[in-house]
Amino acid sequence: MKIDKKRKIVVVDSFSKIDKVLKFDGFSLIIGIGCEIGDIYAEEILVGKSCKLGNVTCNRIVLGAFSSFESIHANDVRLLNSCKGNRIVAKVVKIGENCRVSEISADSLEMAGASRIDKINANKIRCVDSI
């Protein structure tokens, strides 16, 4: 793990396994591919593909393809294709194709392609056909 205090960026190397809670207030967190990380608290999180995350609290998160998570609490959530998770609570959620999420609570939800969501609680839902 590399920390740049001037730019407020934390980089987690690919295929890392971290069981502890990562708490970086005001920092951006960049996670490489194939990582397994417990709970995360940060300002902005960018996640590579095939990562496994625990509970996540942040302002903005982009989750790479084929990643999984327990829960996400954020303002802006972007899930790329084939992500799996239990719960998302956010203002704006954008989901790619073939994602599986148990529960989503959001002000605005945008879905591209076919995804499986068990419970949806959203003020606006927009479905975009991906061809």
N, C-alpha and C. Protein backbone atom coordinates (compact mmCIF):
# COMPACT_ATOMS: atom_id res chain seq x y z
N MET A 1 0.85 -1.17 0.00
CA MET A 1 0.00 0.00 0.00
C MET A 1 0.90 1.23 0.00
N LYS A 2 0.56 2.19 -0.86
CA LYS A 2 1.34 3.41 -0.97
C LYS A 2 0.45 4.60 -0.65
N ILE A 3 0.99 5.54 0.13
CA ILE A 3 0.22 6.72 0.55
C ILE A 3 0.95 7.98 0.10
N ASP A 4 0.25 8.84 -0.63
CA ASP A 4 0.78 10.13 -1.05
C ASP A 4 -0.01 11.20 -0.29
N LYS A 5 0.62 11.78 0.74
CA LYS A 5 -0.09 12.74 1.60
C LYS A 5 -0.30 14.09 0.92
N LYS A 6 0.56 14.46 -0.02
CA LYS A 6 0.39 15.73 -0.72
C LYS A 6 -0.86 15.72 -1.59
N ARG A 7 -1.02 14.66 -2.39
CA ARG A 7 -2.18 14.56 -3.28
C ARG A 7 -3.38 13.90 -2.62
N LYS A 8 -3.19 13.39 -1.41
CA LYS A 8 -4.24 12.69 -0.65
C LYS A 8 -4.77 11.48 -1.43
N ILE A 9 -3.84 10.62 -1.84
CA ILE A 9 -4.17 9.41 -2.59
C ILE A 9 -3.55 8.21 -1.89
N VAL A 10 -4.33 7.14 -1.78
CA VAL A 10 -3.84 5.87 -1.26
C VAL A 10 -4.00 4.83 -2.36
N VAL A 11 -2.93 4.10 -2.67
CA VAL A 11 -2.96 3.07 -3.71
C VAL A 11 -2.75 1.71 -3.06
N VAL A 12 -3.70 0.80 -3.29
CA VAL A 12 -3.58 -0.57 -2.79
C VAL A 12 -3.17 -1.44 -3.98
N ASP A 13 -2.07 -2.17 -3.82
CA ASP A 13 -1.54 -3.00 -4.90
C ASP A 13 -2.51 -4.12 -5.27
N SER A 14 -2.41 -4.60 -6.50
CA SER A 14 -3.26 -5.69 -6.98
C SER A 14 -3.02 -6.96 -6.17
N PHE A 15 -4.08 -7.74 -6.01
CA PHE A 15 -4.08 -9.03 -5.32
C PHE A 15 -3.67 -8.91 -3.85
N SER A 16 -3.97 -7.77 -3.23
CA SER A 16 -3.71 -7.59 -1.80
C SER A 16 -4.87 -8.12 -0.98
N LYS A 17 -4.57 -8.61 0.23
CA LYS A 17 -5.60 -9.05 1.16
C LYS A 17 -5.43 -8.26 2.45
N ILE A 18 -6.44 -7.47 2.78
CA ILE A 18 -6.39 -6.63 3.98
C ILE A 18 -7.64 -6.92 4.80
N ASP A 19 -7.45 -7.46 6.01
CA ASP A 19 -8.58 -7.81 6.87
C ASP A 19 -9.01 -6.64 7.75
N LYS A 20 -8.14 -5.67 7.93
CA LYS A 20 -8.43 -4.56 8.83
C LYS A 20 -9.34 -3.53 8.17
N VAL A 21 -9.83 -2.60 8.98
CA VAL A 21 -10.66 -1.50 8.49
C VAL A 21 -9.74 -0.42 7.92
N LEU A 22 -10.02 0.00 6.69
CA LEU A 22 -9.27 1.10 6.07
C LEU A 22 -10.06 2.39 6.24
N LYS A 23 -9.49 3.34 6.98
CA LYS A 23 -10.18 4.61 7.22
C LYS A 23 -9.25 5.75 6.82
N PHE A 24 -9.59 6.42 5.71
CA PHE A 24 -8.81 7.53 5.20
C PHE A 24 -9.76 8.69 4.92
N ASP A 25 -9.99 9.54 5.90
CA ASP A 25 -10.89 10.68 5.73
C ASP A 25 -10.23 11.73 4.84
N GLY A 26 -10.94 12.14 3.78
CA GLY A 26 -10.44 13.15 2.87
C GLY A 26 -9.49 12.63 1.81
N PHE A 27 -9.25 11.33 1.77
CA PHE A 27 -8.32 10.74 0.81
C PHE A 27 -9.09 10.01 -0.29
N SER A 28 -8.45 9.90 -1.46
CA SER A 28 -8.95 9.05 -2.53
C SER A 28 -8.24 7.72 -2.43
N LEU A 29 -8.99 6.65 -2.63
CA LEU A 29 -8.45 5.30 -2.50
C LEU A 29 -8.53 4.61 -3.85
N ILE A 30 -7.41 4.13 -4.35
CA ILE A 30 -7.36 3.41 -5.62
C ILE A 30 -6.96 1.97 -5.31
N ILE A 31 -7.83 1.03 -5.70
CA ILE A 31 -7.61 -0.38 -5.36
C ILE A 31 -7.37 -1.15 -6.65
N GLY A 32 -6.30 -1.93 -6.69
CA GLY A 32 -5.95 -2.73 -7.86
C GLY A 32 -6.87 -3.92 -8.03
N ILE A 33 -6.59 -4.74 -9.04
CA ILE A 33 -7.47 -5.87 -9.36
C ILE A 33 -7.25 -7.03 -8.38
N GLY A 34 -8.31 -7.79 -8.14
CA GLY A 34 -8.24 -9.01 -7.35
C GLY A 34 -7.97 -8.83 -5.88
N CYS A 35 -8.31 -7.69 -5.29
CA CYS A 35 -8.04 -7.44 -3.87
C CYS A 35 -9.20 -7.91 -3.00
N GLU A 36 -8.88 -8.27 -1.76
CA GLU A 36 -9.88 -8.60 -0.75
C GLU A 36 -9.66 -7.65 0.42
N ILE A 37 -10.66 -6.79 0.68
CA ILE A 37 -10.51 -5.76 1.70
C ILE A 37 -11.75 -5.75 2.58
N GLY A 38 -11.56 -5.51 3.87
CA GLY A 38 -12.68 -5.45 4.80
C GLY A 38 -13.44 -4.14 4.65
N ASP A 39 -13.76 -3.49 5.75
CA ASP A 39 -14.53 -2.25 5.73
C ASP A 39 -13.64 -1.08 5.27
N ILE A 40 -14.27 -0.15 4.52
CA ILE A 40 -13.53 0.99 3.96
C ILE A 40 -14.29 2.28 4.23
N TYR A 41 -13.56 3.31 4.69
CA TYR A 41 -14.08 4.66 4.86
C TYR A 41 -13.13 5.61 4.15
N ALA A 42 -13.61 6.30 3.10
CA ALA A 42 -12.76 7.23 2.34
C ALA A 42 -13.63 8.24 1.62
N GLU A 43 -12.99 9.25 1.04
CA GLU A 43 -13.70 10.28 0.29
C GLU A 43 -14.16 9.75 -1.07
N GLU A 44 -13.23 9.18 -1.83
CA GLU A 44 -13.51 8.66 -3.16
C GLU A 44 -12.78 7.33 -3.31
N ILE A 45 -13.46 6.34 -3.93
CA ILE A 45 -12.87 5.01 -4.07
C ILE A 45 -13.01 4.55 -5.51
N LEU A 46 -11.90 4.11 -6.09
CA LEU A 46 -11.87 3.52 -7.42
C LEU A 46 -11.38 2.09 -7.27
N VAL A 47 -12.19 1.13 -7.69
CA VAL A 47 -11.90 -0.28 -7.45
C VAL A 47 -11.68 -0.99 -8.78
N GLY A 48 -10.61 -1.77 -8.87
CA GLY A 48 -10.35 -2.58 -10.05
C GLY A 48 -11.28 -3.78 -10.10
N LYS A 49 -11.15 -4.59 -11.15
CA LYS A 49 -12.08 -5.69 -11.32
C LYS A 49 -11.75 -6.87 -10.40
N SER A 50 -12.78 -7.68 -10.13
CA SER A 50 -12.68 -8.91 -9.34
C SER A 50 -12.23 -8.68 -7.91
N CYS A 51 -12.67 -7.60 -7.29
CA CYS A 51 -12.34 -7.32 -5.89
C CYS A 51 -13.49 -7.73 -4.98
N LYS A 52 -13.16 -8.05 -3.72
CA LYS A 52 -14.16 -8.37 -2.71
C LYS A 52 -14.04 -7.35 -1.59
N LEU A 53 -15.15 -6.62 -1.33
CA LEU A 53 -15.14 -5.56 -0.33
C LEU A 53 -16.15 -5.85 0.76
N GLY A 54 -15.91 -5.32 1.94
CA GLY A 54 -16.87 -5.42 3.03
C GLY A 54 -17.84 -4.24 2.98
N ASN A 55 -18.05 -3.60 4.11
CA ASN A 55 -18.92 -2.42 4.19
C ASN A 55 -18.13 -1.19 3.74
N VAL A 56 -18.72 -0.40 2.85
CA VAL A 56 -18.03 0.75 2.27
C VAL A 56 -18.83 2.01 2.57
N THR A 57 -18.15 3.06 3.07
CA THR A 57 -18.75 4.36 3.29
C THR A 57 -17.86 5.41 2.63
N CYS A 58 -18.45 6.17 1.68
CA CYS A 58 -17.67 7.17 0.95
C CYS A 58 -18.62 8.16 0.27
N ASN A 59 -18.04 9.15 -0.41
CA ASN A 59 -18.86 10.07 -1.21
C ASN A 59 -19.09 9.53 -2.61
N ARG A 60 -18.05 8.93 -3.21
CA ARG A 60 -18.16 8.45 -4.59
C ARG A 60 -17.37 7.16 -4.72
N ILE A 61 -17.97 6.17 -5.40
CA ILE A 61 -17.30 4.90 -5.63
C ILE A 61 -17.57 4.41 -7.05
N VAL A 62 -16.52 3.90 -7.69
CA VAL A 62 -16.63 3.22 -8.98
C VAL A 62 -16.12 1.81 -8.75
N LEU A 63 -17.01 0.84 -8.91
CA LEU A 63 -16.68 -0.56 -8.63
C LEU A 63 -16.44 -1.29 -9.94
N GLY A 64 -15.26 -1.88 -10.09
CA GLY A 64 -14.88 -2.57 -11.32
C GLY A 64 -15.70 -3.82 -11.57
N ALA A 65 -15.63 -4.34 -12.78
CA ALA A 65 -16.41 -5.49 -13.20
C ALA A 65 -16.07 -6.73 -12.35
N PHE A 66 -17.07 -7.57 -12.15
CA PHE A 66 -16.95 -8.84 -11.43
C PHE A 66 -16.54 -8.66 -9.97
N SER A 67 -16.80 -7.50 -9.37
CA SER A 67 -16.48 -7.26 -7.97
C SER A 67 -17.69 -7.56 -7.10
N SER A 68 -17.45 -7.78 -5.81
CA SER A 68 -18.54 -8.04 -4.87
C SER A 68 -18.35 -7.19 -3.62
N PHE A 69 -19.46 -6.95 -2.91
CA PHE A 69 -19.43 -6.10 -1.72
C PHE A 69 -20.55 -6.50 -0.77
N GLU A 70 -20.41 -6.09 0.50
CA GLU A 70 -21.47 -6.31 1.49
C GLU A 70 -22.48 -5.17 1.43
N SER A 71 -22.03 -3.95 1.71
CA SER A 71 -22.93 -2.80 1.64
C SER A 71 -22.13 -1.55 1.24
N ILE A 72 -22.85 -0.62 0.58
CA ILE A 72 -22.25 0.63 0.16
C ILE A 72 -23.15 1.77 0.60
N HIS A 73 -22.59 2.75 1.32
CA HIS A 73 -23.28 3.98 1.70
C HIS A 73 -22.49 5.13 1.07
N ALA A 74 -23.10 5.80 0.06
CA ALA A 74 -22.37 6.84 -0.67
C ALA A 74 -23.34 7.82 -1.31
N ASN A 75 -22.80 8.90 -1.86
CA ASN A 75 -23.60 9.83 -2.64
C ASN A 75 -23.73 9.37 -4.09
N ASP A 76 -22.64 8.91 -4.67
CA ASP A 76 -22.60 8.52 -6.08
C ASP A 76 -21.97 7.13 -6.20
N VAL A 77 -22.72 6.18 -6.77
CA VAL A 77 -22.25 4.80 -6.92
C VAL A 77 -22.32 4.41 -8.38
N ARG A 78 -21.24 3.84 -8.91
CA ARG A 78 -21.20 3.30 -10.27
C ARG A 78 -20.74 1.86 -10.18
N LEU A 79 -21.58 0.94 -10.64
CA LEU A 79 -21.22 -0.47 -10.69
C LEU A 79 -21.01 -0.86 -12.15
N LEU A 80 -19.86 -1.40 -12.45
CA LEU A 80 -19.62 -1.89 -13.80
C LEU A 80 -20.22 -3.29 -13.93
N ASN A 81 -20.07 -3.92 -15.07
CA ASN A 81 -20.77 -5.17 -15.38
C ASN A 81 -20.46 -6.30 -14.40
N SER A 82 -21.50 -7.10 -14.11
CA SER A 82 -21.40 -8.34 -13.34
C SER A 82 -20.93 -8.16 -11.91
N CYS A 83 -21.31 -7.08 -11.25
CA CYS A 83 -21.00 -6.89 -9.83
C CYS A 83 -22.09 -7.54 -8.98
N LYS A 84 -21.71 -7.96 -7.77
CA LYS A 84 -22.66 -8.59 -6.85
C LYS A 84 -22.55 -7.92 -5.49
N GLY A 85 -23.71 -7.75 -4.83
CA GLY A 85 -23.68 -7.14 -3.51
C GLY A 85 -25.00 -7.26 -2.79
N ASN A 86 -24.99 -6.89 -1.51
CA ASN A 86 -26.18 -7.00 -0.69
C ASN A 86 -27.00 -5.73 -0.64
N ARG A 87 -26.36 -4.59 -0.34
CA ARG A 87 -27.14 -3.38 -0.11
C ARG A 87 -26.40 -2.13 -0.59
N ILE A 88 -27.18 -1.23 -1.22
CA ILE A 88 -26.65 0.07 -1.64
C ILE A 88 -27.59 1.15 -1.13
N VAL A 89 -27.05 2.14 -0.43
CA VAL A 89 -27.80 3.32 -0.01
C VAL A 89 -27.04 4.52 -0.56
N ALA A 90 -27.68 5.25 -1.50
CA ALA A 90 -26.98 6.35 -2.16
C ALA A 90 -27.97 7.33 -2.76
N LYS A 91 -27.45 8.49 -3.21
CA LYS A 91 -28.28 9.45 -3.92
C LYS A 91 -28.41 9.07 -5.38
N VAL A 92 -27.29 8.79 -6.04
CA VAL A 92 -27.27 8.44 -7.46
C VAL A 92 -26.58 7.09 -7.63
N VAL A 93 -27.26 6.16 -8.30
CA VAL A 93 -26.70 4.83 -8.55
C VAL A 93 -26.79 4.54 -10.04
N LYS A 94 -25.68 4.13 -10.64
CA LYS A 94 -25.66 3.70 -12.04
C LYS A 94 -25.10 2.28 -12.09
N ILE A 95 -25.86 1.40 -12.76
CA ILE A 95 -25.53 -0.02 -12.76
C ILE A 95 -25.33 -0.51 -14.18
N GLY A 96 -24.28 -1.30 -14.38
CA GLY A 96 -24.01 -1.91 -15.68
C GLY A 96 -24.80 -3.20 -15.84
N GLU A 97 -24.48 -3.96 -16.87
CA GLU A 97 -25.21 -5.19 -17.19
C GLU A 97 -24.88 -6.32 -16.22
N ASN A 98 -25.86 -7.21 -16.03
CA ASN A 98 -25.69 -8.48 -15.33
C ASN A 98 -25.23 -8.32 -13.89
N CYS A 99 -25.65 -7.26 -13.21
CA CYS A 99 -25.33 -7.07 -11.80
C CYS A 99 -26.41 -7.71 -10.94
N ARG A 100 -26.04 -8.14 -9.75
CA ARG A 100 -26.99 -8.72 -8.80
C ARG A 100 -26.84 -8.01 -7.46
N VAL A 101 -27.91 -7.31 -7.06
CA VAL A 101 -27.91 -6.57 -5.80
C VAL A 101 -29.19 -6.91 -5.07
N SER A 102 -29.09 -7.18 -3.77
CA SER A 102 -30.27 -7.55 -2.99
C SER A 102 -31.20 -6.36 -2.76
N GLU A 103 -30.63 -5.20 -2.40
CA GLU A 103 -31.47 -4.05 -2.05
C GLU A 103 -30.78 -2.75 -2.45
N ILE A 104 -31.56 -1.84 -3.08
CA ILE A 104 -31.05 -0.52 -3.45
C ILE A 104 -32.02 0.54 -2.95
N SER A 105 -31.50 1.53 -2.22
CA SER A 105 -32.25 2.71 -1.82
C SER A 105 -31.52 3.92 -2.41
N ALA A 106 -32.20 4.64 -3.31
CA ALA A 106 -31.54 5.75 -4.00
C ALA A 106 -32.55 6.79 -4.42
N ASP A 107 -32.07 8.03 -4.64
CA ASP A 107 -32.91 9.07 -5.23
C ASP A 107 -33.04 8.84 -6.73
N SER A 108 -31.93 8.46 -7.37
CA SER A 108 -31.92 8.25 -8.81
C SER A 108 -31.19 6.95 -9.12
N LEU A 109 -31.84 6.08 -9.90
CA LEU A 109 -31.26 4.79 -10.28
C LEU A 109 -31.25 4.68 -11.79
N GLU A 110 -30.09 4.40 -12.37
CA GLU A 110 -29.97 4.21 -13.82
C GLU A 110 -29.36 2.84 -14.08
N MET A 111 -30.07 2.05 -14.89
CA MET A 111 -29.63 0.70 -15.19
C MET A 111 -29.36 0.55 -16.68
N ALA A 112 -28.25 -0.07 -17.02
CA ALA A 112 -27.92 -0.36 -18.42
C ALA A 112 -27.97 -1.86 -18.61
N GLY A 113 -28.85 -2.34 -19.45
CA GLY A 113 -28.96 -3.77 -19.69
C GLY A 113 -29.76 -4.47 -18.61
N ALA A 114 -29.67 -5.80 -18.59
CA ALA A 114 -30.44 -6.61 -17.65
C ALA A 114 -29.62 -6.88 -16.39
N SER A 115 -30.22 -6.57 -15.24
CA SER A 115 -29.61 -6.85 -13.94
C SER A 115 -30.68 -7.39 -13.02
N ARG A 116 -30.26 -8.06 -11.96
CA ARG A 116 -31.21 -8.62 -11.00
C ARG A 116 -31.10 -7.84 -9.69
N ILE A 117 -32.21 -7.18 -9.32
CA ILE A 117 -32.28 -6.43 -8.08
C ILE A 117 -33.53 -6.87 -7.35
N ASP A 118 -33.38 -7.33 -6.10
CA ASP A 118 -34.52 -7.88 -5.36
C ASP A 118 -35.46 -6.78 -4.86
N LYS A 119 -34.91 -5.75 -4.21
CA LYS A 119 -35.74 -4.66 -3.68
C LYS A 119 -35.20 -3.33 -4.19
N ILE A 120 -36.13 -2.50 -4.72
CA ILE A 120 -35.74 -1.17 -5.20
C ILE A 120 -36.59 -0.13 -4.49
N ASN A 121 -35.92 0.88 -3.94
CA ASN A 121 -36.59 2.03 -3.36
C ASN A 121 -35.93 3.26 -3.97
N ALA A 122 -36.53 3.80 -5.04
CA ALA A 122 -35.92 4.92 -5.75
C ALA A 122 -36.99 5.90 -6.20
N ASN A 123 -36.64 7.20 -6.21
CA ASN A 123 -37.56 8.22 -6.70
C ASN A 123 -37.60 8.24 -8.22
N LYS A 124 -36.44 8.09 -8.87
CA LYS A 124 -36.36 8.07 -10.33
C LYS A 124 -35.65 6.79 -10.76
N ILE A 125 -36.24 6.11 -11.74
CA ILE A 125 -35.60 4.92 -12.31
C ILE A 125 -35.51 5.12 -13.81
N ARG A 126 -34.31 4.96 -14.34
CA ARG A 126 -34.09 5.12 -15.78
C ARG A 126 -33.38 3.88 -16.29
N CYS A 127 -33.98 3.24 -17.28
CA CYS A 127 -33.39 2.05 -17.88
C CYS A 127 -32.84 2.41 -19.25
N VAL A 128 -31.58 2.13 -19.46
CA VAL A 128 -30.92 2.42 -20.72
C VAL A 128 -30.63 1.10 -21.40
N ASP A 129 -31.08 0.96 -22.64
CA ASP A 129 -30.83 -0.27 -23.38
C ASP A 129 -29.41 -0.22 -23.93
N SER A 130 -28.64 -1.25 -23.65
CA SER A 130 -27.27 -1.29 -24.15
C SER A 130 -27.18 -2.24 -25.32
N ILE A 131 -26.76 -1.73 -26.45
CA ILE A 131 -26.65 -2.55 -27.66
C ILE A 131 -25.21 -2.53 -28.12
